[in-house]
C-alpha atoms as a PDB file:
ATOM      1  CA  MET A   1       6.228 -49.473   2.720  1.00  0.00           C
ATOM      2  CA  GLY A   2       5.658 -49.955   6.447  1.00  0.00           C
ATOM      3  CA  GLU A   3       9.197 -51.276   6.895  1.00  0.00           C
ATOM      4  CA  MET A   4      10.624 -48.261   5.052  1.00  0.00           C
ATOM      5  CA  GLU A   5       8.676 -45.925   7.331  1.00  0.00           C
ATOM      6  CA  GLU A   6       9.907 -47.797  10.391  1.00  0.00           C
ATOM      7  CA  GLY A   7      13.506 -47.477   9.194  1.00  0.00           C
ATOM      8  CA  ARG A   8      13.279 -43.722   8.712  1.00  0.00           C
ATOM      9  CA  ASP A   9      14.458 -41.257  11.296  1.00  0.00           C
ATOM     10  CA  PRO A  10      11.501 -40.467  13.581  1.00  0.00           C
ATOM     11  CA  ARG A  11      12.147 -36.743  13.085  1.00  0.00           C
ATOM     12  CA  ILE A  12      11.626 -37.148   9.341  1.00  0.00           C
ATOM     13  CA  ARG A  13       8.412 -39.070   9.991  1.00  0.00           C
ATOM     14  CA  THR A  14       7.251 -36.267  12.293  1.00  0.00           C
ATOM     15  CA  TRP A  15       8.318 -33.186  10.344  1.00  0.00           C
ATOM     16  CA  GLY A  16       8.626 -34.581   6.804  1.00  0.00           C
ATOM     17  CA  PRO A  17       4.961 -33.980   5.834  1.00  0.00           C
ATOM     18  CA  VAL A  18       5.259 -30.342   6.928  1.00  0.00           C
ATOM     19  CA  CYS A  19       8.474 -29.876   4.955  1.00  0.00           C
ATOM     20  CA  HIS A  20       6.962 -31.576   1.917  1.00  0.00           C
ATOM     21  CA  ALA A  21       3.855 -29.368   2.114  1.00  0.00           C
ATOM     22  CA  VAL A  22       5.946 -26.178   2.223  1.00  0.00           C
ATOM     23  CA  ALA A  23       8.052 -27.393  -0.713  1.00  0.00           C
ATOM     24  CA  LEU A  24       4.920 -28.158  -2.742  1.00  0.00           C
ATOM     25  CA  LEU A  25       3.398 -24.766  -1.977  1.00  0.00           C
ATOM     26  CA  LEU A  26       6.497 -22.708  -2.788  1.00  0.00           C
ATOM     27  CA  GLY A  27       8.145 -25.043  -5.294  1.00  0.00           C
ATOM     28  CA  PRO A  28      10.126 -24.933  -7.427  1.00  0.00           C
ATOM     29  CA  TYR A  29      11.406 -21.732  -5.840  1.00  0.00           C
ATOM     30  CA  ALA A  30      11.933 -23.006  -2.295  1.00  0.00           C
ATOM     31  CA  GLU A  31      14.402 -25.449  -0.840  1.00  0.00           C
ATOM     32  CA  VAL A  32      13.359 -27.051   2.444  1.00  0.00           C
ATOM     33  CA  VAL A  33      16.026 -28.682   4.585  1.00  0.00           C
ATOM     34  CA  LEU A  34      15.750 -30.628   7.830  1.00  0.00           C
ATOM     35  CA  HIS A  35      19.004 -30.713   9.811  1.00  0.00           C
ATOM     36  CA  ASP A  36      20.237 -32.870  12.680  1.00  0.00           C
ATOM     37  CA  PRO A  37      21.788 -30.453  15.222  1.00  0.00           C
ATOM     38  CA  ASP A  38      23.515 -33.296  17.116  1.00  0.00           C
ATOM     39  CA  THR A  39      25.470 -34.755  14.185  1.00  0.00           C
ATOM     40  CA  ASP A  40      25.445 -31.492  12.183  1.00  0.00           C
ATOM     41  CA  GLN A  41      24.203 -33.364   9.113  1.00  0.00           C
ATOM     42  CA  VAL A  42      21.343 -32.963   6.663  1.00  0.00           C
ATOM     43  CA  LEU A  43      18.490 -35.297   7.597  1.00  0.00           C
ATOM     44  CA  GLU A  44      16.388 -34.722   4.487  1.00  0.00           C
ATOM     45  CA  ILE A  45      16.023 -32.126   1.740  1.00  0.00           C
ATOM     46  CA  TRP A  46      13.148 -31.156  -0.544  1.00  0.00           C
ATOM     47  CA  ASN A  47      13.621 -29.223  -3.837  1.00  0.00           C
ATOM     48  CA  PRO A  48      17.439 -29.096  -3.448  1.00  0.00           C
ATOM     49  CA  MET A  49      19.070 -26.019  -4.988  1.00  0.00           C
ATOM     50  CA  THR A  50      22.598 -27.365  -4.626  1.00  0.00           C
ATOM     51  CA  SER A  51      24.226 -30.799  -4.843  1.00  0.00           C
ATOM     52  CA  ARG A  52      24.004 -31.502  -1.116  1.00  0.00           C
ATOM     53  CA  GLY A  53      21.787 -34.297   0.160  1.00  0.00           C
ATOM     54  CA  PRO A  54      20.969 -36.369   3.255  1.00  0.00           C
ATOM     55  CA  GLY A  55      24.075 -37.147   5.295  1.00  0.00           C
ATOM     56  CA  ASP A  56      26.048 -34.139   4.036  1.00  0.00           C
ATOM     57  CA  PRO A  57      27.429 -31.662   6.606  1.00  0.00           C
ATOM     58  CA  SER A  58      24.971 -28.998   7.765  1.00  0.00           C
ATOM     59  CA  LEU A  59      27.607 -26.600   9.143  1.00  0.00           C
ATOM     60  CA  LEU A  60      24.982 -25.068  11.402  1.00  0.00           C
ATOM     61  CA  GLY A  61      27.200 -23.839  14.194  1.00  0.00           C
ATOM     62  CA  GLU A  62      26.330 -23.835  17.877  1.00  0.00           C
ATOM     63  CA  LEU A  63      22.621 -23.450  18.686  1.00  0.00           C
ATOM     64  CA  ASP A  64      23.437 -22.253  22.189  1.00  0.00           C
ATOM     65  CA  GLU A  65      24.985 -19.104  20.735  1.00  0.00           C
ATOM     66  CA  LEU A  66      21.787 -18.042  18.965  1.00  0.00           C
ATOM     67  CA  ASP A  67      19.815 -15.052  20.215  1.00  0.00           C
ATOM     68  CA  PRO A  68      17.317 -16.444  22.758  1.00  0.00           C
ATOM     69  CA  SER A  69      14.912 -13.535  22.157  1.00  0.00           C
ATOM     70  CA  ALA A  70      14.127 -14.896  18.673  1.00  0.00           C
ATOM     71  CA  ARG A  71      12.076 -17.740  20.244  1.00  0.00           C
ATOM     72  CA  ASP A  72      13.584 -20.426  18.008  1.00  0.00           C
ATOM     73  CA  VAL A  73      12.670 -18.713  14.704  1.00  0.00           C
ATOM     74  CA  TYR A  74      15.381 -16.770  12.879  1.00  0.00           C
ATOM     75  CA  GLY A  75      15.063 -14.636   9.759  1.00  0.00           C
ATOM     76  CA  PRO A  76      14.268 -13.850   7.095  1.00  0.00           C
ATOM     77  CA  TYR A  77      17.960 -13.345   6.330  1.00  0.00           C
ATOM     78  CA  GLU A  78      19.790 -13.220   2.997  1.00  0.00           C
ATOM     79  CA  LYS A  79      21.892 -15.991   1.458  1.00  0.00           C
ATOM     80  CA  LEU A  80      23.608 -16.221  -1.928  1.00  0.00           C
ATOM     81  CA  LEU A  81      24.069 -19.174  -4.264  1.00  0.00           C
ATOM     82  CA  VAL A  82      27.227 -19.554  -6.343  1.00  0.00           C
ATOM     83  CA  ASP A  83      25.286 -18.560  -9.473  1.00  0.00           C
ATOM     84  CA  GLY A  84      24.453 -15.199  -7.871  1.00  0.00           C
ATOM     85  CA  ARG A  85      20.842 -15.924  -6.967  1.00  0.00           C
ATOM     86  CA  ARG A  86      19.660 -14.263  -3.768  1.00  0.00           C
ATOM     87  CA  LEU A  87      17.697 -16.286  -1.250  1.00  0.00           C
ATOM     88  CA  SER A  88      15.472 -15.215   1.621  1.00  0.00           C
ATOM     89  CA  SER A  89      15.931 -17.787   4.358  1.00  0.00           C
ATOM     90  CA  VAL A  90      14.196 -18.677   7.606  1.00  0.00           C
ATOM     91  CA  SER A  91      15.434 -21.177  10.189  1.00  0.00           C
ATOM     92  CA  ALA A  92      13.463 -22.718  13.041  1.00  0.00           C
ATOM     93  CA  VAL A  93      14.699 -24.862  15.908  1.00  0.00           C
ATOM     94  CA  LEU A  94      12.294 -27.776  16.435  1.00  0.00           C
ATOM     95  CA  ARG A  95      12.254 -29.109  19.980  1.00  0.00           C
ATOM     96  CA  ASP A  96      11.137 -32.393  21.528  1.00  0.00           C
ATOM     97  CA  PRO A  97       8.591 -32.564  24.391  1.00  0.00           C
ATOM     98  CA  GLU A  98      11.402 -32.078  26.909  1.00  0.00           C
ATOM     99  CA  GLY A  99      12.498 -28.839  25.212  1.00  0.00           C
ATOM    100  CA  ARG A 100      15.721 -30.185  23.714  1.00  0.00           C
ATOM    101  CA  SER A 101      16.581 -29.183  20.152  1.00  0.00           C
ATOM    102  CA  SER A 102      15.537 -32.116  17.991  1.00  0.00           C
ATOM    103  CA  ALA A 103      15.964 -30.715  14.470  1.00  0.00           C
ATOM    104  CA  VAL A 104      16.485 -27.469  12.599  1.00  0.00           C
ATOM    105  CA  LEU A 105      14.186 -26.583   9.733  1.00  0.00           C
ATOM    106  CA  CYS A 106      15.507 -24.197   7.051  1.00  0.00           C
ATOM    107  CA  ILE A 107      13.467 -22.761   4.187  1.00  0.00           C
ATOM    108  CA  ASN A 108      15.388 -21.027   1.393  1.00  0.00           C
ATOM    109  CA  LEU A 109      13.250 -19.030  -1.029  1.00  0.00           C
ATOM    110  CA  ASP A 110      14.710 -18.045  -4.410  1.00  0.00           C
ATOM    111  CA  ARG A 111      14.021 -14.322  -4.851  1.00  0.00           C
ATOM    112  CA  THR A 112      14.795 -14.328  -8.589  1.00  0.00           C
ATOM    113  CA  PRO A 113      11.159 -14.383  -9.823  1.00  0.00           C
ATOM    114  CA  LEU A 114      10.232 -11.669  -7.309  1.00  0.00           C
ATOM    115  CA  GLU A 115      13.130  -9.473  -8.431  1.00  0.00           C
ATOM    116  CA  GLN A 116      12.226 -10.016 -12.081  1.00  0.00           C
ATOM    117  CA  ALA A 117       8.607  -9.064 -11.393  1.00  0.00           C
ATOM    118  CA  ALA A 118       9.766  -5.973  -9.469  1.00  0.00           C
ATOM    119  CA  ALA A 119      11.941  -4.934 -12.412  1.00  0.00           C
ATOM    120  CA  VAL A 120       8.995  -5.222 -14.801  1.00  0.00           C
ATOM    121  CA  LEU A 121       6.739  -3.194 -12.483  1.00  0.00           C
ATOM    122  CA  SER A 122       9.468  -0.564 -12.014  1.00  0.00           C
ATOM    123  CA  ALA A 123       9.767  -0.194 -15.777  1.00  0.00           C
ATOM    124  CA  PHE A 124       6.028   0.425 -16.061  1.00  0.00           C
ATOM    125  CA  GLY A 125       6.195   2.900 -13.196  1.00  0.00           C
ATOM    126  CA  ALA A 126       9.153   4.818 -14.619  1.00  0.00           C
ATOM    127  CA  PRO A 127       8.938   8.641 -14.493  1.00  0.00           C
ATOM    128  CA  THR A 128       7.049  10.210 -17.379  1.00  0.00           C
ATOM    129  CA  VAL A 129       7.590  13.497 -19.156  1.00  0.00           C
ATOM    130  CA  GLN A 130       5.159  16.351 -18.726  1.00  0.00           C
ATOM    131  CA  ARG A 131       2.081  15.812 -20.835  1.00  0.00           C
ATOM    132  CA  PRO A 132       1.781  17.906 -24.031  1.00  0.00           C
ATOM    133  CA  GLU A 133      -0.878  20.424 -22.973  1.00  0.00           C
ATOM    134  CA  PRO A 134      -1.794  21.521 -26.534  1.00  0.00           C
ATOM    135  CA  LEU A 135      -3.219  18.052 -27.090  1.00  0.00           C
ATOM    136  CA  PHE A 136      -5.601  18.490 -24.153  1.00  0.00           C
ATOM    137  CA  GLU A 137      -6.596  22.142 -24.437  1.00  0.00           C
ATOM    138  CA  GLN A 138      -9.954  21.291 -25.984  1.00  0.00           C
ATOM    139  CA  ASP A 139     -10.604  18.135 -23.962  1.00  0.00           C
ATOM    140  CA  TRP A 140     -12.356  19.639 -20.948  1.00  0.00           C
ATOM    141  CA  SER A 141     -13.458  16.224 -19.610  1.00  0.00           C
ATOM    142  CA  GLU A 142      -9.817  15.111 -19.558  1.00  0.00           C
ATOM    143  CA  ARG A 143      -8.968  18.354 -17.742  1.00  0.00           C
ATOM    144  CA  ILE A 144     -11.577  17.574 -15.071  1.00  0.00           C
ATOM    145  CA  GLN A 145     -10.151  14.120 -14.469  1.00  0.00           C
ATOM    146  CA  HIS A 146      -6.597  15.451 -14.417  1.00  0.00           C
ATOM    147  CA  ILE A 147      -7.342  18.159 -11.834  1.00  0.00           C
ATOM    148  CA  ILE A 148      -9.473  16.024  -9.529  1.00  0.00           C
ATOM    149  CA  GLY A 149      -7.094  13.075  -9.805  1.00  0.00           C
ATOM    150  CA  GLY A 150      -4.143  15.347  -9.031  1.00  0.00           C
ATOM    151  CA  TYR A 151      -5.835  16.628  -5.886  1.00  0.00           C
ATOM    152  CA  VAL A 152      -6.676  13.095  -4.734  1.00  0.00           C
ATOM    153  CA  ARG A 153      -3.039  12.061  -5.135  1.00  0.00           C
ATOM    154  CA  GLU A 154      -1.827  15.149  -3.253  1.00  0.00           C
ATOM    155  CA  THR A 155      -4.101  14.646  -0.259  1.00  0.00           C
ATOM    156  CA  GLY A 156      -4.110  10.851  -0.235  1.00  0.00           C
ATOM    157  CA  ARG A 157      -7.884  10.859   0.226  1.00  0.00           C
ATOM    158  CA  PRO A 158     -10.225   9.133  -2.238  1.00  0.00           C
ATOM    159  CA  VAL A 159     -12.997  11.155  -3.843  1.00  0.00           C
ATOM    160  CA  GLU A 160     -15.696   9.774  -1.552  1.00  0.00           C
ATOM    161  CA  ARG A 161     -13.766  10.968   1.524  1.00  0.00           C
ATOM    162  CA  LEU A 162     -13.146  14.539   0.358  1.00  0.00           C
ATOM    163  CA  THR A 163     -14.372  17.108   2.859  1.00  0.00           C
ATOM    164  CA  ARG A 164     -16.349  20.222   2.066  1.00  0.00           C
ATOM    165  CA  GLN A 165     -13.125  22.267   2.141  1.00  0.00           C
ATOM    166  CA  ASP A 166     -11.497  19.759  -0.188  1.00  0.00           C
ATOM    167  CA  ARG A 167     -14.348  20.126  -2.686  1.00  0.00           C
ATOM    168  CA  LEU A 168     -14.105  23.903  -2.514  1.00  0.00           C
ATOM    169  CA  ALA A 169     -10.373  23.639  -3.233  1.00  0.00           C
ATOM    170  CA  VAL A 170     -10.985  21.310  -6.182  1.00  0.00           C
ATOM    171  CA  LEU A 171     -13.712  23.516  -7.600  1.00  0.00           C
ATOM    172  CA  GLY A 172     -11.363  26.470  -7.246  1.00  0.00           C
ATOM    173  CA  ARG A 173      -8.783  24.716  -9.401  1.00  0.00           C
ATOM    174  CA  LEU A 174     -11.411  23.718 -11.940  1.00  0.00           C
ATOM    175  CA  ASP A 175     -12.771  27.264 -12.080  1.00  0.00           C
ATOM    176  CA  GLU A 176      -9.270  28.657 -12.523  1.00  0.00           C
ATOM    177  CA  ALA A 177      -8.800  26.243 -15.420  1.00  0.00           C
ATOM    178  CA  ARG A 178     -12.019  27.673 -16.950  1.00  0.00           C
ATOM    179  CA  VAL A 179     -13.692  24.277 -16.897  1.00  0.00           C
ATOM    180  CA  PHE A 180     -17.076  25.799 -16.002  1.00  0.00           C
ATOM    181  CA  ALA A 181     -16.966  27.960 -19.103  1.00  0.00           C
ATOM    182  CA  VAL A 182     -18.151  24.811 -20.846  1.00  0.00           C
ATOM    183  CA  ARG A 183     -21.914  24.497 -20.519  1.00  0.00           C
ATOM    184  CA  ARG A 184     -21.983  20.746 -19.850  1.00  0.00           C
ATOM    185  CA  ALA A 185     -19.121  20.709 -17.355  1.00  0.00           C
ATOM    186  CA  ALA A 186     -21.060  20.965 -14.075  1.00  0.00           C
ATOM    187  CA  PRO A 187     -22.826  17.568 -14.363  1.00  0.00           C
ATOM    188  CA  VAL A 188     -19.536  15.901 -15.283  1.00  0.00           C
ATOM    189  CA  VAL A 189     -17.792  17.508 -12.286  1.00  0.00           C
ATOM    190  CA  ALA A 190     -20.660  16.421 -10.013  1.00  0.00           C
ATOM    191  CA  GLY A 191     -20.353  12.859 -11.235  1.00  0.00           C
ATOM    192  CA  ALA A 192     -16.575  12.842 -10.793  1.00  0.00           C
ATOM    193  CA  LEU A 193     -16.858  14.223  -7.243  1.00  0.00           C
ATOM    194  CA  ARG A 194     -19.814  11.921  -6.492  1.00  0.00           C
ATOM    195  CA  VAL A 195     -22.068  14.737  -5.364  1.00  0.00           C
ATOM    196  CA  SER A 196     -25.268  16.226  -6.736  1.00  0.00           C
ATOM    197  CA  ARG A 197     -25.351  18.952  -9.356  1.00  0.00           C
ATOM    198  CA  SER A 198     -26.972  21.311  -6.859  1.00  0.00           C
ATOM    199  CA  THR A 199     -24.057  20.737  -4.462  1.00  0.00           C
ATOM    200  CA  VAL A 200     -21.593  21.714  -7.170  1.00  0.00           C
ATOM    201  CA  TYR A 201     -23.600  24.880  -7.996  1.00  0.00           C
ATOM    202  CA  GLY A 202     -23.889  25.784  -4.292  1.00  0.00           C
ATOM    203  CA  LEU A 203     -20.183  25.337  -3.590  1.00  0.00           C
ATOM    204  CA  LEU A 204     -19.269  27.188  -6.755  1.00  0.00           C
ATOM    205  CA  ALA A 205     -21.479  30.117  -5.755  1.00  0.00           C
ATOM    206  CA  GLU A 206     -19.867  30.175  -2.309  1.00  0.00           C
ATOM    207  CA  LEU A 207     -16.422  30.062  -3.887  1.00  0.00           C
ATOM    208  CA  ARG A 208     -17.133  32.973  -6.199  1.00  0.00           C
ATOM    209  CA  ALA A 209     -18.996  35.091  -3.658  1.00  0.00           C
ATOM    210  CA  PRO A 210     -15.987  36.984  -2.175  1.00  0.00           C
ATOM    211  CA  SER A 211     -14.692  38.067  -5.581  1.00  0.00           C
ATOM    212  CA  GLU A 212     -18.193  39.172  -6.629  1.00  0.00           C
ATOM    213  CA  LYS A 213     -18.479  41.364  -3.489  1.00  0.00           C
ATOM    214  CA  ASP A 214     -15.118  42.922  -4.276  1.00  0.00           C
END
């Protein structure tokens, strides 16, 4: 075992454990490749997605022509396999203590499972038709949730962060929908808005005051 380690390229001994760790974490959906920029050959490969292996051409191109502002890390950029799979790839230039490019590390992540998951989530989040109101005319508790939830979505503020003006606006919508005509509605509204019953009664009185004066 010791002789095998001694015979291995020192760059593989140095960076191999890191490459192996990344491959284990993201496998089987990630290919990790260590390239030799001097010979333009593959040094080692973990979880290969194609038939290439150690000693095959890397076809990296000239490192000197890379954008220096990237600080030796490039990507994520898109690549395609012959079977149509899309990859998100990142490349990093690994340098020796003198600052010379020693190896190039490339990680290619197969986006197929992510795209499949996104398609499933998109299907669940597909647009819905308008709800059949006759089914909910008598369900005043459902009406409360629908109105308060609609206001929360409009403003982007959760219930616990609604201001006094927000609560007045919500109560106005609930009153317009004749929710408070139901005797037990006020405690349910208070619970949904996370305020006391007396707060609901006080705000409701304030809301109705101008129309009563008129």
